[in-house]
Amino acid sequence: MTDTYVTSSGGLGFCGALALIFITLKLLGKIDWSWIWILSPLWIPISIFIVVAMFALVIFVIASLIEW
């Protein structure tokens, strides 16, 4: 008999929860921030990923040009 283990990670996460809190506070009139900052928990992680990916791409291109 084989045992099969299924793990699942998912859910809202910190940034998603923070975005929901900010949206709720904005709609209730508790904060008077611009929508760009209300939604920043959604776009900041994406921006960080893009910067890291670009950095890795530059390192890869430089390393392939040098041909160690």
PDB file of N, CA and C in Angstrom:
ATOM      1  N   MET A   1       0.848  -1.168   0.000  1.00  0.00           N
ATOM      2  CA  MET A   1       0.000   0.000   0.000  1.00  0.00           C
ATOM      3  C   MET A   1       0.899   1.238   0.000  1.00  0.00           C
ATOM      4  N   THR A   2       0.613   2.179  -0.861  1.00  0.00           N
ATOM      5  CA  THR A   2       1.401   3.405  -0.917  1.00  0.00           C
ATOM      6  C   THR A   2       0.627   4.542  -0.276  1.00  0.00           C
ATOM      7  N   ASP A   3       1.378   5.350   0.399  1.00  0.00           N
ATOM      8  CA  ASP A   3       0.777   6.531   1.020  1.00  0.00           C
ATOM      9  C   ASP A   3       0.996   7.725   0.107  1.00  0.00           C
ATOM     10  N   THR A   4      -0.057   8.455  -0.122  1.00  0.00           N
ATOM     11  CA  THR A   4       0.031   9.650  -0.948  1.00  0.00           C
ATOM     12  C   THR A   4      -0.287  10.855  -0.076  1.00  0.00           C
ATOM     13  N   TYR A   5       0.636  11.792  -0.082  1.00  0.00           N
ATOM     14  CA  TYR A   5       0.443  13.002   0.691  1.00  0.00           C
ATOM     15  C   TYR A   5       0.245  14.172  -0.265  1.00  0.00           C
ATOM     16  N   VAL A   6      -0.819  14.856  -0.065  1.00  0.00           N
ATOM     17  CA  VAL A   6      -1.111  16.018  -0.891  1.00  0.00           C
ATOM     18  C   VAL A   6      -1.033  17.241   0.001  1.00  0.00           C
ATOM     19  N   THR A   7      -0.169  18.140  -0.392  1.00  0.00           N
ATOM     20  CA  THR A   7      -0.083  19.397   0.353  1.00  0.00           C
ATOM     21  C   THR A   7      -0.532  20.528  -0.549  1.00  0.00           C
ATOM     22  N   SER A   8      -1.176  21.446   0.046  1.00  0.00           N
ATOM     23  CA  SER A   8      -1.664  22.587  -0.713  1.00  0.00           C
ATOM     24  C   SER A   8      -1.361  23.854   0.065  1.00  0.00           C
ATOM     25  N   SER A   9      -0.711  24.770  -0.594  1.00  0.00           N
ATOM     26  CA  SER A   9      -0.512  26.064   0.034  1.00  0.00           C
ATOM     27  C   SER A   9      -1.247  27.090  -0.811  1.00  0.00           C
ATOM     28  N   GLY A  10      -1.924  27.896  -0.191  1.00  0.00           N
ATOM     29  CA  GLY A  10      -2.704  28.893  -0.910  1.00  0.00           C
ATOM     30  C   GLY A  10      -3.359  29.810   0.080  1.00  0.00           C
ATOM     31  N   GLY A  11      -4.243  30.549  -0.388  1.00  0.00           N
ATOM     32  CA  GLY A  11      -4.921  31.474   0.493  1.00  0.00           C
ATOM     33  C   GLY A  11      -4.610  32.893   0.114  1.00  0.00           C
ATOM     34  N   LEU A  12      -4.947  33.762   0.982  1.00  0.00           N
ATOM     35  CA  LEU A  12      -4.871  35.178   0.710  1.00  0.00           C
ATOM     36  C   LEU A  12      -3.454  35.721   0.819  1.00  0.00           C
ATOM     37  N   GLY A  13      -2.745  35.393   1.845  1.00  0.00           N
ATOM     38  CA  GLY A  13      -1.406  35.918   2.045  1.00  0.00           C
ATOM     39  C   GLY A  13      -1.441  37.299   2.673  1.00  0.00           C
ATOM     40  N   PHE A  14      -0.265  37.738   3.085  1.00  0.00           N
ATOM     41  CA  PHE A  14      -0.162  39.013   3.794  1.00  0.00           C
ATOM     42  C   PHE A  14      -0.531  40.194   2.899  1.00  0.00           C
ATOM     43  N   CYS A  15       0.018  40.228   1.696  1.00  0.00           N
ATOM     44  CA  CYS A  15      -0.231  41.373   0.805  1.00  0.00           C
ATOM     45  C   CYS A  15      -1.694  41.445   0.378  1.00  0.00           C
ATOM     46  N   GLY A  16      -2.300  40.309   0.110  1.00  0.00           N
ATOM     47  CA  GLY A  16      -3.714  40.296  -0.256  1.00  0.00           C
ATOM     48  C   GLY A  16      -4.604  40.759   0.875  1.00  0.00           C
ATOM     49  N   ALA A  17      -4.283  40.304   2.096  1.00  0.00           N
ATOM     50  CA  ALA A  17      -5.065  40.721   3.259  1.00  0.00           C
ATOM     51  C   ALA A  17      -4.904  42.216   3.514  1.00  0.00           C
ATOM     52  N   LEU A  18      -3.674  42.699   3.360  1.00  0.00           N
ATOM     53  CA  LEU A  18      -3.437  44.126   3.563  1.00  0.00           C
ATOM     54  C   LEU A  18      -4.193  44.957   2.525  1.00  0.00           C
ATOM     55  N   ALA A  19      -4.231  44.484   1.289  1.00  0.00           N
ATOM     56  CA  ALA A  19      -4.979  45.189   0.248  1.00  0.00           C
ATOM     57  C   ALA A  19      -6.470  45.216   0.579  1.00  0.00           C
ATOM     58  N   LEU A  20      -6.998  44.106   1.034  1.00  0.00           N
ATOM     59  CA  LEU A  20      -8.422  44.078   1.412  1.00  0.00           C
ATOM     60  C   LEU A  20      -8.721  45.030   2.571  1.00  0.00           C
ATOM     61  N   ILE A  21      -7.813  45.087   3.528  1.00  0.00           N
ATOM     62  CA  ILE A  21      -8.001  46.012   4.651  1.00  0.00           C
ATOM     63  C   ILE A  21      -7.991  47.453   4.155  1.00  0.00           C
ATOM     64  N   PHE A  22      -7.020  47.789   3.305  1.00  0.00           N
ATOM     65  CA  PHE A  22      -6.940  49.149   2.788  1.00  0.00           C
ATOM     66  C   PHE A  22      -8.166  49.510   1.958  1.00  0.00           C
ATOM     67  N   ILE A  23      -8.640  48.579   1.122  1.00  0.00           N
ATOM     68  CA  ILE A  23      -9.830  48.838   0.299  1.00  0.00           C
ATOM     69  C   ILE A  23     -11.052  49.059   1.187  1.00  0.00           C
ATOM     70  N   THR A  24     -11.182  48.225   2.210  1.00  0.00           N
ATOM     71  CA  THR A  24     -12.305  48.368   3.134  1.00  0.00           C
ATOM     72  C   THR A  24     -12.264  49.714   3.846  1.00  0.00           C
ATOM     73  N   LEU A  25     -11.084  50.093   4.334  1.00  0.00           N
ATOM     74  CA  LEU A  25     -10.959  51.377   5.022  1.00  0.00           C
ATOM     75  C   LEU A  25     -11.245  52.548   4.091  1.00  0.00           C
ATOM     76  N   LYS A  26     -10.832  52.428   2.837  1.00  0.00           N
ATOM     77  CA  LYS A  26     -11.096  53.496   1.853  1.00  0.00           C
ATOM     78  C   LYS A  26     -12.595  53.617   1.582  1.00  0.00           C
ATOM     79  N   LEU A  27     -13.253  52.489   1.381  1.00  0.00           N
ATOM     80  CA  LEU A  27     -14.679  52.515   1.079  1.00  0.00           C
ATOM     81  C   LEU A  27     -15.519  52.976   2.263  1.00  0.00           C
ATOM     82  N   LEU A  28     -15.017  52.741   3.479  1.00  0.00           N
ATOM     83  CA  LEU A  28     -15.726  53.207   4.672  1.00  0.00           C
ATOM     84  C   LEU A  28     -15.413  54.669   4.998  1.00  0.00           C
ATOM     85  N   GLY A  29     -14.477  55.256   4.265  1.00  0.00           N
ATOM     86  CA  GLY A  29     -14.139  56.651   4.476  1.00  0.00           C
ATOM     87  C   GLY A  29     -13.204  56.891   5.651  1.00  0.00           C
ATOM     88  N   LYS A  30     -12.537  55.855   6.128  1.00  0.00           N
ATOM     89  CA  LYS A  30     -11.641  55.999   7.273  1.00  0.00           C
ATOM     90  C   LYS A  30     -10.268  56.529   6.879  1.00  0.00           C
ATOM     91  N   ILE A  31      -9.860  56.299   5.634  1.00  0.00           N
ATOM     92  CA  ILE A  31      -8.591  56.828   5.148  1.00  0.00           C
ATOM     93  C   ILE A  31      -8.849  57.584   3.853  1.00  0.00           C
ATOM     94  N   ASP A  32      -8.037  58.596   3.619  1.00  0.00           N
ATOM     95  CA  ASP A  32      -8.209  59.444   2.443  1.00  0.00           C
ATOM     96  C   ASP A  32      -6.950  59.370   1.574  1.00  0.00           C
ATOM     97  N   TRP A  33      -6.575  58.149   1.213  1.00  0.00           N
ATOM     98  CA  TRP A  33      -5.386  57.919   0.405  1.00  0.00           C
ATOM     99  C   TRP A  33      -5.785  57.798  -1.060  1.00  0.00           C
ATOM    100  N   SER A  34      -4.809  57.992  -1.913  1.00  0.00           N
ATOM    101  CA  SER A  34      -5.007  57.767  -3.334  1.00  0.00           C
ATOM    102  C   SER A  34      -5.166  56.262  -3.582  1.00  0.00           C
ATOM    103  N   TRP A  35      -5.903  55.914  -4.631  1.00  0.00           N
ATOM    104  CA  TRP A  35      -6.110  54.499  -4.952  1.00  0.00           C
ATOM    105  C   TRP A  35      -4.809  53.798  -5.313  1.00  0.00           C
ATOM    106  N   ILE A  36      -3.822  54.543  -5.800  1.00  0.00           N
ATOM    107  CA  ILE A  36      -2.537  53.927  -6.134  1.00  0.00           C
ATOM    108  C   ILE A  36      -1.888  53.356  -4.871  1.00  0.00           C
ATOM    109  N   TRP A  37      -2.050  54.040  -3.733  1.00  0.00           N
ATOM    110  CA  TRP A  37      -1.480  53.545  -2.474  1.00  0.00           C
ATOM    111  C   TRP A  37      -2.379  52.520  -1.812  1.00  0.00           C
ATOM    112  N   ILE A  38      -3.665  52.608  -2.047  1.00  0.00           N
ATOM    113  CA  ILE A  38      -4.583  51.597  -1.518  1.00  0.00           C
ATOM    114  C   ILE A  38      -4.257  50.232  -2.128  1.00  0.00           C
ATOM    115  N   LEU A  39      -3.957  50.233  -3.422  1.00  0.00           N
ATOM    116  CA  LEU A  39      -3.676  48.981  -4.130  1.00  0.00           C
ATOM    117  C   LEU A  39      -2.190  48.625  -4.152  1.00  0.00           C
ATOM    118  N   SER A  40      -1.361  49.396  -3.463  1.00  0.00           N
ATOM    119  CA  SER A  40       0.082  49.135  -3.477  1.00  0.00           C
ATOM    120  C   SER A  40       0.473  47.758  -2.931  1.00  0.00           C
ATOM    121  N   PRO A  41      -0.232  47.176  -1.965  1.00  0.00           N
ATOM    122  CA  PRO A  41       0.155  45.823  -1.558  1.00  0.00           C
ATOM    123  C   PRO A  41       0.036  44.797  -2.691  1.00  0.00           C
ATOM    124  N   LEU A  42      -0.699  45.138  -3.749  1.00  0.00           N
ATOM    125  CA  LEU A  42      -0.827  44.222  -4.875  1.00  0.00           C
ATOM    126  C   LEU A  42       0.274  44.425  -5.905  1.00  0.00           C
ATOM    127  N   TRP A  43       0.716  45.670  -6.123  1.00  0.00           N
ATOM    128  CA  TRP A  43       1.694  45.900  -7.184  1.00  0.00           C
ATOM    129  C   TRP A  43       3.129  45.964  -6.699  1.00  0.00           C
ATOM    130  N   ILE A  44       3.370  46.206  -5.419  1.00  0.00           N
ATOM    131  CA  ILE A  44       4.744  46.259  -4.927  1.00  0.00           C
ATOM    132  C   ILE A  44       5.447  44.904  -5.028  1.00  0.00           C
ATOM    133  N   PRO A  45       4.839  43.779  -4.622  1.00  0.00           N
ATOM    134  CA  PRO A  45       5.533  42.485  -4.792  1.00  0.00           C
ATOM    135  C   PRO A  45       5.810  42.153  -6.261  1.00  0.00           C
ATOM    136  N   ILE A  46       4.902  42.529  -7.149  1.00  0.00           N
ATOM    137  CA  ILE A  46       5.115  42.284  -8.578  1.00  0.00           C
ATOM    138  C   ILE A  46       6.298  43.114  -9.072  1.00  0.00           C
ATOM    139  N   SER A  47       6.390  44.351  -8.611  1.00  0.00           N
ATOM    140  CA  SER A  47       7.507  45.213  -8.999  1.00  0.00           C
ATOM    141  C   SER A  47       8.838  44.661  -8.504  1.00  0.00           C
ATOM    142  N   ILE A  48       8.857  44.168  -7.282  1.00  0.00           N
ATOM    143  CA  ILE A  48      10.081  43.577  -6.735  1.00  0.00           C
ATOM    144  C   ILE A  48      10.485  42.355  -7.551  1.00  0.00           C
ATOM    145  N   PHE A  49       9.532  41.519  -7.920  1.00  0.00           N
ATOM    146  CA  PHE A  49       9.828  40.343  -8.737  1.00  0.00           C
ATOM    147  C   PHE A  49      10.414  40.749 -10.086  1.00  0.00           C
ATOM    148  N   ILE A  50       9.840  41.772 -10.707  1.00  0.00           N
ATOM    149  CA  ILE A  50      10.333  42.221 -12.019  1.00  0.00           C
ATOM    150  C   ILE A  50      11.763  42.739 -11.900  1.00  0.00           C
ATOM    151  N   VAL A  51      12.061  43.501 -10.853  1.00  0.00           N
ATOM    152  CA  VAL A  51      13.416  44.025 -10.666  1.00  0.00           C
ATOM    153  C   VAL A  51      14.408  42.881 -10.459  1.00  0.00           C
ATOM    154  N   VAL A  52      14.053  41.905  -9.645  1.00  0.00           N
ATOM    155  CA  VAL A  52      14.943  40.759  -9.403  1.00  0.00           C
ATOM    156  C   VAL A  52      15.133  39.957 -10.686  1.00  0.00           C
ATOM    157  N   ALA A  53      14.075  39.757 -11.449  1.00  0.00           N
ATOM    158  CA  ALA A  53      14.186  39.014 -12.710  1.00  0.00           C
ATOM    159  C   ALA A  53      15.062  39.761 -13.708  1.00  0.00           C
ATOM    160  N   MET A  54      14.933  41.071 -13.787  1.00  0.00           N
ATOM    161  CA  MET A  54      15.778  41.856 -14.689  1.00  0.00           C
ATOM    162  C   MET A  54      17.243  41.780 -14.266  1.00  0.00           C
ATOM    163  N   PHE A  55      17.494  41.848 -12.979  1.00  0.00           N
ATOM    164  CA  PHE A  55      18.852  41.731 -12.460  1.00  0.00           C
ATOM    165  C   PHE A  55      19.444  40.372 -12.806  1.00  0.00           C
ATOM    166  N   ALA A  56      18.667  39.312 -12.620  1.00  0.00           N
ATOM    167  CA  ALA A  56      19.140  37.968 -12.953  1.00  0.00           C
ATOM    168  C   ALA A  56      19.396  37.842 -14.451  1.00  0.00           C
ATOM    169  N   LEU A  57      18.562  38.449 -15.269  1.00  0.00           N
ATOM    170  CA  LEU A  57      18.750  38.415 -16.716  1.00  0.00           C
ATOM    171  C   LEU A  57      20.038  39.131 -17.122  1.00  0.00           C
ATOM    172  N   VAL A  58      20.303  40.275 -16.514  1.00  0.00           N
ATOM    173  CA  VAL A  58      21.532  41.008 -16.808  1.00  0.00           C
ATOM    174  C   VAL A  58      22.749  40.184 -16.409  1.00  0.00           C
ATOM    175  N   ILE A  59      22.712  39.571 -15.243  1.00  0.00           N
ATOM    176  CA  ILE A  59      23.817  38.721 -14.794  1.00  0.00           C
ATOM    177  C   ILE A  59      24.001  37.547 -15.753  1.00  0.00           C
ATOM    178  N   PHE A  60      22.932  36.945 -16.202  1.00  0.00           N
ATOM    179  CA  PHE A  60      23.007  35.820 -17.132  1.00  0.00           C
ATOM    180  C   PHE A  60      23.629  36.246 -18.463  1.00  0.00           C
ATOM    181  N   VAL A  61      23.208  37.385 -18.979  1.00  0.00           N
ATOM    182  CA  VAL A  61      23.740  37.873 -20.257  1.00  0.00           C
ATOM    183  C   VAL A  61      25.221  38.206 -20.123  1.00  0.00           C
ATOM    184  N   ILE A  62      25.596  38.869 -19.049  1.00  0.00           N
ATOM    185  CA  ILE A  62      27.000  39.201 -18.841  1.00  0.00           C
ATOM    186  C   ILE A  62      27.831  37.928 -18.700  1.00  0.00           C
ATOM    187  N   ALA A  63      27.336  36.951 -17.957  1.00  0.00           N
ATOM    188  CA  ALA A  63      28.071  35.710 -17.772  1.00  0.00           C
ATOM    189  C   ALA A  63      28.200  34.946 -19.093  1.00  0.00           C
ATOM    190  N   SER A  64      27.202  34.998 -19.942  1.00  0.00           N
ATOM    191  CA  SER A  64      27.286  34.298 -21.223  1.00  0.00           C
ATOM    192  C   SER A  64      28.226  35.024 -22.192  1.00  0.00           C
ATOM    193  N   LEU A  65      28.363  36.328 -22.051  1.00  0.00           N
ATOM    194  CA  LEU A  65      29.288  37.084 -22.897  1.00  0.00           C
ATOM    195  C   LEU A  65      30.741  36.864 -22.480  1.00  0.00           C
ATOM    196  N   ILE A  66      30.954  36.702 -21.190  1.00  0.00           N
ATOM    197  CA  ILE A  66      32.306  36.496 -20.683  1.00  0.00           C
ATOM    198  C   ILE A  66      32.798  35.085 -21.008  1.00  0.00           C
ATOM    199  N   GLU A  67      31.895  34.130 -21.028  1.00  0.00           N
ATOM    200  CA  GLU A  67      32.192  32.724 -21.319  1.00  0.00           C
ATOM    201  C   GLU A  67      33.282  32.190 -20.403  1.00  0.00           C
ATOM    202  N   TRP A  68      32.947  32.003 -19.189  1.00  0.00           N
ATOM    203  CA  TRP A  68      33.879  31.489 -18.191  1.00  0.00           C
ATOM    204  C   TRP A  68      34.452  30.238 -18.705  1.00  0.00           C
TER     205      TRP A  68
END
